[in-house]
Amino acid sequence: MDLRSAEVGKEYIIRAIETDDEELNAFLFSLGCYSGEPITVVARRKRNCTVSIKDGRYNIDDQLAEAIRI
């Protein structure tokens, strides 16, 4: 299941980051988004969702959300 299917307000553990794009992988890692890290979807809008990772909140689009497996 990817992050696009996650329920708002529920905490999940990131199982994997599935992407062939090294730049995207490095960007997600810089946000603290890697395997074993908890992540929570705070809000969902049309093509974006706001997530809480560690002590930060980030607005990510569907492409990034699709790469995050929970």
Protein backbone atom coordinates (compact mmCIF):
# COMPACT_ATOMS: atom_id res chain seq x y z
CA MET A 1 0.00 0.00 0.00
CA ASP A 2 1.34 3.44 -0.80
CA LEU A 3 0.84 6.70 1.06
CA ARG A 4 -2.00 7.81 -1.23
CA SER A 5 -4.18 5.11 0.37
CA ALA A 6 -3.37 6.10 3.96
CA GLU A 7 -6.03 7.31 6.37
CA VAL A 8 -5.75 10.87 7.64
CA GLY A 9 -4.57 11.05 11.25
CA LYS A 10 -3.28 7.46 11.46
CA GLU A 11 0.43 6.79 12.03
CA TYR A 12 2.15 4.34 9.69
CA ILE A 13 5.67 2.94 9.48
CA ILE A 14 7.45 3.43 6.16
CA ARG A 15 8.25 0.00 4.75
CA ALA A 16 10.12 1.10 1.61
CA ILE A 17 10.76 3.89 -0.86
CA GLU A 18 10.12 2.57 -4.36
CA THR A 19 11.63 4.79 -7.01
CA ASP A 20 14.29 4.53 -9.69
CA ASP A 21 14.91 8.27 -9.49
CA GLU A 22 17.98 8.80 -7.29
CA GLU A 23 17.22 12.51 -6.94
CA LEU A 24 13.74 11.75 -5.60
CA ASN A 25 15.16 9.13 -3.25
CA ALA A 26 17.76 11.59 -1.93
CA PHE A 27 15.11 14.28 -1.47
CA LEU A 28 12.85 11.97 0.55
CA PHE A 29 15.82 10.86 2.65
CA SER A 30 16.67 14.50 3.39
CA LEU A 31 13.14 14.94 4.78
CA GLY A 32 13.68 11.98 7.09
CA CYS A 33 11.54 9.70 4.97
CA TYR A 34 13.15 6.24 4.95
CA SER A 35 12.35 2.66 5.96
CA GLY A 36 11.35 2.20 9.59
CA GLU A 37 10.41 5.83 10.14
CA PRO A 38 6.89 6.72 11.35
CA ILE A 39 4.79 8.93 9.07
CA THR A 40 1.32 10.44 9.51
CA VAL A 41 -0.95 11.96 6.88
CA VAL A 42 -2.20 15.17 8.49
CA ALA A 43 -4.42 16.42 5.66
CA ARG A 44 -5.34 15.49 2.12
CA ARG A 45 -6.17 17.83 -0.73
CA LYS A 46 -6.84 17.21 -4.43
CA ARG A 47 -3.42 16.04 -5.60
CA ASN A 48 -1.40 16.71 -2.47
CA CYS A 49 -1.20 15.57 1.11
CA THR A 50 0.41 17.05 4.18
CA VAL A 51 2.50 14.57 6.12
CA SER A 52 4.22 14.67 9.47
CA ILE A 53 7.70 13.12 9.54
CA LYS A 54 9.79 13.46 12.70
CA ASP A 55 9.19 17.05 13.89
CA GLY A 56 8.31 18.51 10.48
CA ARG A 57 5.26 18.82 8.27
CA TYR A 58 5.60 18.64 4.51
CA ASN A 59 3.23 19.02 1.59
CA ILE A 60 3.90 16.28 -0.96
CA ASP A 61 2.32 15.55 -4.32
CA ASP A 62 0.92 12.24 -5.61
CA GLN A 63 4.21 11.27 -7.29
CA LEU A 64 6.07 11.40 -3.97
CA ALA A 65 3.18 9.76 -2.08
CA GLU A 66 3.13 6.90 -4.59
CA ALA A 67 6.82 6.17 -3.96
CA ILE A 68 6.33 5.81 -0.19
CA ARG A 69 5.20 2.29 0.76
CA ILE A 70 3.59 1.79 4.14
